[in-house]
Amino acid sequence: MSEFINGILRLRRGPWEMLASVLIALGVVMLMQPVAIWLYTYSFVVTLVGTIMFIIVSHFPE
């Protein structure tokens, strides 16, 4: 866990890509759930932020 936080703080690609992937997956889950309309409402924004974040952090150093 400490290595993950250290990678986030040092702007390394691996931890940031994992965080972006989690956001994308969270957005998709929010889109497919049938319970809360507010989750469905924000699912596109969460997926979009994760996608843009993934594109940006793919240029970070290893």
C-alpha atoms as a PDB file:
ATOM      1  CA  MET A   1       0.000   0.000   0.000  1.00  0.00           C
ATOM      2  CA  SER A   2       2.844   2.351   0.801  1.00  0.00           C
ATOM      3  CA  GLU A   3       4.405   1.676  -2.608  1.00  0.00           C
ATOM      4  CA  PHE A   4       1.099   2.558  -4.313  1.00  0.00           C
ATOM      5  CA  ILE A   5       0.817   5.874  -2.437  1.00  0.00           C
ATOM      6  CA  ASN A   6       4.481   6.626  -3.110  1.00  0.00           C
ATOM      7  CA  GLY A   7       3.898   5.997  -6.836  1.00  0.00           C
ATOM      8  CA  ILE A   8       0.877   8.316  -6.818  1.00  0.00           C
ATOM      9  CA  LEU A   9       2.848  11.097  -5.144  1.00  0.00           C
ATOM     10  CA  ARG A  10       5.809  10.681  -7.484  1.00  0.00           C
ATOM     11  CA  LEU A  11       3.557  10.729 -10.592  1.00  0.00           C
ATOM     12  CA  ARG A  12       4.452   7.252 -11.796  1.00  0.00           C
ATOM     13  CA  ARG A  13       2.413   5.655 -14.571  1.00  0.00           C
ATOM     14  CA  GLY A  14       1.427   2.344 -12.931  1.00  0.00           C
ATOM     15  CA  PRO A  15      -0.537   3.576  -9.906  1.00  0.00           C
ATOM     16  CA  TRP A  16      -2.219   6.390 -11.848  1.00  0.00           C
ATOM     17  CA  GLU A  17      -3.266   4.018 -14.647  1.00  0.00           C
ATOM     18  CA  MET A  18      -4.716   1.654 -12.056  1.00  0.00           C
ATOM     19  CA  LEU A  19      -6.667   4.510 -10.479  1.00  0.00           C
ATOM     20  CA  ALA A  20      -7.965   5.607 -13.895  1.00  0.00           C
ATOM     21  CA  SER A  21      -8.982   2.022 -14.711  1.00  0.00           C
ATOM     22  CA  VAL A  22     -10.863   1.759 -11.416  1.00  0.00           C
ATOM     23  CA  LEU A  23     -12.727   4.982 -12.247  1.00  0.00           C
ATOM     24  CA  ILE A  24     -13.682   3.638 -15.677  1.00  0.00           C
ATOM     25  CA  ALA A  25     -14.907   0.364 -14.167  1.00  0.00           C
ATOM     26  CA  LEU A  26     -16.809   2.232 -11.453  1.00  0.00           C
ATOM     27  CA  GLY A  27     -18.517   4.363 -14.092  1.00  0.00           C
ATOM     28  CA  VAL A  28     -19.592   1.279 -16.040  1.00  0.00           C
ATOM     29  CA  VAL A  29     -20.950  -0.379 -12.894  1.00  0.00           C
ATOM     30  CA  MET A  30     -22.812   2.828 -12.044  1.00  0.00           C
ATOM     31  CA  LEU A  31     -24.293   2.802 -15.553  1.00  0.00           C
ATOM     32  CA  MET A  32     -25.574  -0.775 -15.299  1.00  0.00           C
ATOM     33  CA  GLN A  33     -27.041  -0.763 -11.789  1.00  0.00           C
ATOM     34  CA  PRO A  34     -30.859  -0.616 -11.581  1.00  0.00           C
ATOM     35  CA  VAL A  35     -31.248   0.856  -8.066  1.00  0.00           C
ATOM     36  CA  ALA A  36     -30.277   4.520  -7.746  1.00  0.00           C
ATOM     37  CA  ILE A  37     -30.970   7.073 -10.457  1.00  0.00           C
ATOM     38  CA  TRP A  38     -28.301   9.444  -9.122  1.00  0.00           C
ATOM     39  CA  LEU A  39     -25.630   6.785  -9.707  1.00  0.00           C
ATOM     40  CA  TYR A  40     -26.852   6.412 -13.279  1.00  0.00           C
ATOM     41  CA  THR A  41     -26.848  10.206 -13.671  1.00  0.00           C
ATOM     42  CA  TYR A  42     -23.172  10.569 -12.742  1.00  0.00           C
ATOM     43  CA  SER A  43     -21.943   7.393 -14.453  1.00  0.00           C
ATOM     44  CA  PHE A  44     -21.060   9.142 -17.725  1.00  0.00           C
ATOM     45  CA  VAL A  45     -19.054  11.830 -15.922  1.00  0.00           C
ATOM     46  CA  VAL A  46     -17.114   9.253 -13.887  1.00  0.00           C
ATOM     47  CA  THR A  47     -16.366   7.164 -16.990  1.00  0.00           C
ATOM     48  CA  LEU A  48     -15.311  10.256 -18.937  1.00  0.00           C
ATOM     49  CA  VAL A  49     -12.996  11.467 -16.154  1.00  0.00           C
ATOM     50  CA  GLY A  50     -11.413   8.015 -15.928  1.00  0.00           C
ATOM     51  CA  THR A  51     -10.887   7.859 -19.690  1.00  0.00           C
ATOM     52  CA  ILE A  52      -9.347  11.329 -19.925  1.00  0.00           C
ATOM     53  CA  MET A  53      -7.224  10.574 -16.881  1.00  0.00           C
ATOM     54  CA  PHE A  54      -5.998   7.340 -18.497  1.00  0.00           C
ATOM     55  CA  ILE A  55      -5.028   9.194 -21.680  1.00  0.00           C
ATOM     56  CA  ILE A  56      -3.096  11.814 -19.705  1.00  0.00           C
ATOM     57  CA  VAL A  57      -1.284   9.436 -17.359  1.00  0.00           C
ATOM     58  CA  SER A  58      -0.219   7.180 -20.214  1.00  0.00           C
ATOM     59  CA  HIS A  59       2.389   9.877 -20.888  1.00  0.00           C
ATOM     60  CA  PHE A  60       3.822   9.729 -17.349  1.00  0.00           C
ATOM     61  CA  PRO A  61       7.230   8.072 -16.839  1.00  0.00           C
ATOM     62  CA  GLU A  62       7.374   4.447 -15.733  1.00  0.00           C
END
